[in-house]
Every structure is written in structure tokens, then in C-alpha cells.
Amino acid sequence: MKRLHLIVAVLITTLLLNACKKDYYVDGGLADPHYNGSIYDYLVNTPYWFDTISYIIDRAGMKEILQRDTVTFFSPTDDAVKVVMNALNEYRYYNVQDSVHLQDIDPEVWKYFLSMYILKGKYLAKQFARVDPVNVYAYPGINYVMDGGYVLNIGLIYQNYNNVEAVGPRIIRLTDITYDPQNFQNNPSIIVATSDIQPKNGVLHVLNNNHVFGFRGGTFIRLAQQYLEQ
């Protein structure tokens, strides 16, 4: 187990730095944040960023949720999935196993991880409480139970501007607090690059491109391997 943790840590760090096929998702601002279609439709019609995400949504049988239910989806970009798939195949290579592809991963694996990013109801950025990772007792954000039962801390980081505290842009931050409940800053986290896209059935927030799908690459590898070895 210690060997697995070491291999995974090295793989994820290396692949996260080198695997991105696209530049960071840049929020140039939306003149009109509304989209005349569902969250799923938006993803399908933005293939440069979400072709892989759309595919695994279909594989997981979650199309209807993102097409009809009122939800908030914190969407990773394709590169987040690429990082963990590359890490999985590197791990399999070290263990003299054949490489695998998206279609080889059990749909239940995709469903488990995608559910982490879906929050029932409609949440715009302004609705989240303030979070300050270095002063979490004063500004703790709020812990939300996501669609699959996973708990994420979600809050707004108030940035400084011109040396004035907390008057700059506000950015959504997601933190996987179950990794280390005793030390908030030790938990995997990611910020939102583009917020408040508003399709007809909810809200879409796009995560920064340097995200690891599922927050912990090692968990993805272990779960994917379990199903592959059945």
C-alpha cells in the first residue's frame, strides 16, 4: 500500500504538470450568462473543453440529471480526466498490465466521481459563504452534501485589491475536507475559473484546468483497478 501511495503521488504530480492539452480555462466574462439549453447541452456543445466530460456522463448514465434536474454542476475540464487516466495507465505499466481507455472504466466508477461535482438546487457564486483557508475559524465556508453523498466544503475567497483586504474579486473554492478533517489547509482543493453560467436547468461553474479528477488521483486508480480486476 505504501508503494502504491508513493507511485501515485509521483505520477499525479508529474502528469498534472505535463499532461494538459489546453491552456488554463480563462474567464473573459460573459455579457449574458444565460444559456438556452440544459447543462448537458452546454457541455456537449463546448467539445473543446468538455468532450471527455460529456462522454463519461453518458457512460455513467447521468445525462438525464444534467438535462432535466435542477442542479449546480462544478464541471472539471477534460484535462482533469486525462491526468487520472494517464496515472492509471502508468501504474498498470509498472505492474505489467495493458493500458486501458475511457470505455474500459466501469460506468459505476465514472458515476461515483461525477456525483462529487453535482449539488442539488441552483447556486450562484454570490450564494456561497466566505471561506479563508488561513483563517477558517472566522470564515469557514459551508460543508455541502453532494449528489452522491460526498461532502465538499464550498466557499468564496475574497481576494485583496490594491493592498486592501477582501475587496477584490471573489472566487469559488471547493475543498475535499474528508481527506484531513483536522487540518483544513492540508485538504485537496480547487478554485472555479468560470462561474455562473446559467443554462435552463441550473448553474454551471467550470473548475480550473489544473484539477485532478476526483480530487485524489490515488482513489481513482484504486477504484478503477478494483473493477478492472473483477
Protein backbone atom coordinates (compact mmCIF):
# COMPACT_ATOMS: atom_id res chain seq x y z
CA MET A 1 0.00 0.00 0.00
CA LYS A 2 2.86 2.39 0.83
CA ARG A 3 4.36 1.62 -2.58
CA LEU A 4 1.05 2.45 -4.28
CA HIS A 5 0.81 5.78 -2.45
CA LEU A 6 4.37 6.70 -3.45
CA ILE A 7 3.88 5.76 -7.10
CA VAL A 8 0.55 7.59 -7.31
CA ALA A 9 1.95 10.75 -5.69
CA VAL A 10 4.83 10.90 -8.17
CA LEU A 11 2.60 10.12 -11.16
CA ILE A 12 -0.07 12.67 -10.35
CA THR A 13 2.45 15.44 -9.70
CA THR A 14 4.32 14.76 -12.93
CA LEU A 15 1.27 14.27 -15.11
CA LEU A 16 -0.55 17.30 -13.75
CA LEU A 17 2.39 19.46 -14.76
CA ASN A 18 2.78 17.96 -18.21
CA ALA A 19 -0.48 16.43 -19.41
CA CYS A 20 -2.62 19.49 -20.12
CA LYS A 21 -3.52 19.68 -23.78
CA LYS A 22 -5.09 23.12 -23.36
CA ASP A 23 -4.26 26.40 -21.71
CA TYR A 24 -5.96 27.25 -18.43
CA TYR A 25 -9.62 27.99 -18.82
CA VAL A 26 -9.83 31.76 -18.97
CA ASP A 27 -12.89 33.64 -17.83
CA GLY A 28 -13.21 36.56 -20.18
CA GLY A 29 -16.57 37.45 -18.68
CA LEU A 30 -19.98 36.68 -20.11
CA ALA A 31 -22.13 39.52 -21.42
CA ASP A 32 -25.13 37.24 -20.95
CA PRO A 33 -24.60 34.31 -18.57
CA HIS A 34 -27.83 32.60 -19.63
CA TYR A 35 -27.75 29.61 -21.97
CA ASN A 36 -30.77 28.47 -23.95
CA GLY A 37 -30.40 24.79 -23.20
CA SER A 38 -29.59 22.37 -20.42
CA ILE A 39 -26.29 21.95 -18.57
CA TYR A 40 -25.74 18.77 -20.56
CA ASP A 41 -26.41 20.62 -23.82
CA TYR A 42 -23.85 23.27 -22.93
CA LEU A 43 -21.19 20.64 -22.27
CA VAL A 44 -21.91 18.74 -25.48
CA ASN A 45 -21.81 21.96 -27.49
CA THR A 46 -18.47 23.01 -25.99
CA PRO A 47 -16.38 20.00 -27.03
CA TYR A 48 -13.01 21.72 -26.85
CA TRP A 49 -13.27 21.67 -23.06
CA PHE A 50 -15.89 19.04 -22.34
CA ASP A 51 -15.88 16.28 -24.96
CA THR A 52 -14.44 13.75 -22.49
CA ILE A 53 -16.68 15.02 -19.68
CA SER A 54 -19.75 14.60 -21.89
CA TYR A 55 -18.65 11.09 -22.83
CA ILE A 56 -18.20 9.89 -19.25
CA ILE A 57 -21.52 11.49 -18.26
CA ASP A 58 -23.15 9.30 -20.91
CA ARG A 59 -21.19 6.26 -19.72
CA ALA A 60 -22.30 6.91 -16.14
CA GLY A 61 -25.96 7.18 -17.14
CA MET A 62 -26.15 10.71 -15.74
CA LYS A 63 -27.32 12.57 -18.83
CA GLU A 64 -30.87 12.97 -17.56
CA ILE A 65 -29.72 14.54 -14.27
CA LEU A 66 -27.82 17.24 -16.11
CA GLN A 67 -30.55 17.68 -18.68
CA ARG A 68 -33.72 17.77 -16.57
CA ASP A 69 -32.97 18.12 -12.85
CA THR A 70 -32.34 21.49 -11.23
CA VAL A 71 -28.71 21.19 -10.19
CA THR A 72 -25.45 23.05 -9.86
CA PHE A 73 -22.58 21.33 -11.66
CA PHE A 74 -18.97 22.14 -10.85
CA SER A 75 -17.54 20.78 -14.05
CA PRO A 76 -13.95 19.64 -14.43
CA THR A 77 -12.44 20.08 -17.87
CA ASP A 78 -11.22 17.19 -19.99
CA ASP A 79 -7.66 17.53 -18.74
CA ALA A 80 -8.71 16.56 -15.20
CA VAL A 81 -9.78 13.17 -16.54
CA LYS A 82 -6.70 12.90 -18.74
CA VAL A 83 -4.43 13.27 -15.69
CA VAL A 84 -6.00 10.37 -13.78
CA MET A 85 -6.26 8.13 -16.85
CA ASN A 86 -2.59 8.69 -17.61
CA ALA A 87 -1.71 7.98 -13.99
CA LEU A 88 -3.80 4.79 -14.06
CA ASN A 89 -2.03 3.56 -17.20
CA GLU A 90 1.39 4.42 -15.78
CA TYR A 91 0.51 2.40 -12.69
CA ARG A 92 -0.63 -0.51 -14.86
CA TYR A 93 2.56 -0.28 -16.91
CA TYR A 94 4.67 -0.60 -13.76
CA ASN A 95 2.63 -3.68 -12.87
CA VAL A 96 2.97 -5.21 -16.37
CA GLN A 97 -0.67 -4.71 -17.27
CA ASP A 98 -2.20 -3.49 -20.53
CA SER A 99 -3.25 0.13 -20.86
CA VAL A 100 -6.95 0.96 -20.71
CA HIS A 101 -9.20 3.59 -22.26
CA LEU A 102 -12.22 5.60 -21.14
CA GLN A 103 -14.63 2.93 -22.35
CA ASP A 104 -12.85 0.28 -20.28
CA ILE A 105 -13.63 2.02 -16.99
CA ASP A 106 -16.76 0.69 -15.32
CA PRO A 107 -19.70 3.15 -15.51
CA GLU A 108 -20.07 2.93 -11.72
CA VAL A 109 -16.60 4.43 -11.33
CA TRP A 110 -17.50 7.39 -13.52
CA LYS A 111 -20.80 7.81 -11.66
CA TYR A 112 -19.10 7.77 -8.25
CA PHE A 113 -16.70 10.55 -9.15
CA LEU A 114 -19.04 12.71 -11.24
CA SER A 115 -21.53 12.73 -8.36
CA MET A 116 -18.95 14.62 -6.29
CA TYR A 117 -19.43 17.64 -8.54
CA ILE A 118 -23.24 17.81 -8.59
CA LEU A 119 -25.16 19.81 -6.00
CA LYS A 120 -28.94 19.65 -5.92
CA GLY A 121 -30.52 23.05 -6.46
CA LYS A 122 -29.39 26.24 -8.12
CA TYR A 123 -26.42 28.04 -6.55
CA LEU A 124 -24.87 31.18 -7.99
CA ALA A 125 -21.46 32.28 -6.70
CA LYS A 126 -22.94 35.03 -4.53
CA GLN A 127 -24.90 32.46 -2.53
CA PHE A 128 -21.83 30.80 -1.07
CA ALA A 129 -20.42 31.92 2.26
CA ARG A 130 -16.93 33.35 2.60
CA VAL A 131 -14.04 30.95 3.15
CA ASP A 132 -10.50 31.84 4.17
CA PRO A 133 -8.15 28.82 4.25
CA VAL A 134 -5.73 30.62 6.59
CA ASN A 135 -8.49 31.83 8.90
CA VAL A 136 -11.03 29.08 8.58
CA TYR A 137 -12.40 29.61 12.10
CA ALA A 138 -13.58 33.08 11.13
CA TYR A 139 -14.59 32.25 7.55
CA PRO A 140 -15.25 28.50 7.27
CA GLY A 141 -17.36 28.34 4.13
CA ILE A 142 -20.11 25.72 4.30
CA ASN A 143 -19.99 21.94 4.03
CA TYR A 144 -22.35 20.63 1.35
CA VAL A 145 -23.53 17.08 0.76
CA MET A 146 -23.15 16.48 -2.95
CA ASP A 147 -25.38 14.29 -5.11
CA GLY A 148 -23.60 11.04 -4.27
CA GLY A 149 -23.35 11.77 -0.56
CA TYR A 150 -19.78 13.07 -0.73
CA VAL A 151 -19.05 16.13 1.41
CA LEU A 152 -17.25 19.16 -0.02
CA ASN A 153 -16.59 22.49 1.60
CA ILE A 154 -17.61 25.29 -0.75
CA GLY A 155 -16.97 28.96 -0.17
CA LEU A 156 -16.00 32.27 -1.69
CA ILE A 157 -12.44 33.52 -1.39
CA TYR A 158 -12.43 37.30 -1.03
CA GLN A 159 -9.30 38.50 -2.79
CA ASN A 160 -7.34 41.60 -1.91
CA TYR A 161 -7.10 44.58 -4.25
CA ASN A 162 -4.57 47.44 -4.14
CA ASN A 163 -3.40 46.22 -0.73
CA VAL A 164 -6.92 46.46 0.64
CA GLU A 165 -8.12 43.23 2.21
CA ALA A 166 -11.10 41.35 0.81
CA VAL A 167 -12.34 43.97 -1.66
CA GLY A 168 -11.16 42.27 -4.85
CA PRO A 169 -12.76 39.57 -7.00
CA ARG A 170 -14.48 36.69 -5.26
CA ILE A 171 -13.66 33.17 -6.37
CA ILE A 172 -15.42 29.91 -5.53
CA ARG A 173 -13.21 27.34 -3.83
CA LEU A 174 -14.05 23.65 -3.38
CA THR A 175 -12.23 21.66 -0.71
CA ASP A 176 -12.27 17.90 -0.19
CA ILE A 177 -12.42 18.14 3.61
CA THR A 178 -12.72 14.38 4.20
CA TYR A 179 -9.04 13.88 3.37
CA ASP A 180 -7.83 15.55 6.57
CA PRO A 181 -10.69 16.76 8.79
CA GLN A 182 -8.21 18.05 11.37
CA ASN A 183 -6.25 20.38 9.07
CA PHE A 184 -8.28 22.36 6.55
CA GLN A 185 -5.25 23.57 4.59
CA ASN A 186 -3.99 20.03 4.10
CA ASN A 187 -7.02 19.03 2.04
CA PRO A 188 -7.11 18.92 -1.78
CA SER A 189 -8.89 21.94 -3.20
CA ILE A 190 -9.63 23.67 -6.48
CA ILE A 191 -10.95 27.07 -7.49
CA VAL A 192 -13.55 27.87 -10.12
CA ALA A 193 -12.25 29.51 -13.27
CA THR A 194 -15.60 30.49 -14.77
CA SER A 195 -18.72 30.86 -12.66
CA ASP A 196 -22.44 31.46 -13.00
CA ILE A 197 -23.12 30.07 -16.46
CA GLN A 198 -26.89 29.66 -16.31
CA PRO A 199 -28.47 27.00 -18.51
CA LYS A 200 -32.21 26.43 -18.18
CA ASN A 201 -31.96 23.72 -15.52
CA GLY A 202 -29.41 25.16 -13.13
CA VAL A 203 -25.94 26.63 -12.84
CA LEU A 204 -22.60 25.59 -14.32
CA HIS A 205 -19.30 26.52 -12.69
CA VAL A 206 -16.14 25.45 -14.55
CA LEU A 207 -13.21 24.34 -12.42
CA ASN A 208 -9.66 25.49 -13.04
CA ASN A 209 -7.85 23.34 -15.56
CA ASN A 210 -5.18 22.15 -13.12
CA HIS A 211 -7.63 19.91 -11.29
CA VAL A 212 -7.23 16.18 -10.59
CA PHE A 213 -10.50 14.37 -11.32
CA GLY A 214 -11.98 13.18 -8.04
CA PHE A 215 -9.57 15.38 -6.06
CA ARG A 216 -7.39 12.37 -5.22
CA GLY A 217 -5.76 10.52 -8.09
CA GLY A 218 -4.90 7.55 -5.90
CA THR A 219 -8.55 6.92 -5.10
CA PHE A 220 -9.44 6.87 -8.78
CA ILE A 221 -6.66 4.38 -9.51
CA ARG A 222 -7.67 2.05 -6.69
CA LEU A 223 -11.37 2.10 -7.55
CA ALA A 224 -10.80 1.72 -11.30
CA GLN A 225 -8.38 -1.16 -10.68
CA GLN A 226 -10.86 -2.93 -8.42
CA TYR A 227 -13.47 -3.00 -11.17
CA LEU A 228 -10.95 -3.88 -13.88
CA GLU A 229 -9.73 -6.87 -11.89
CA GLN A 230 -13.20 -8.30 -11.21
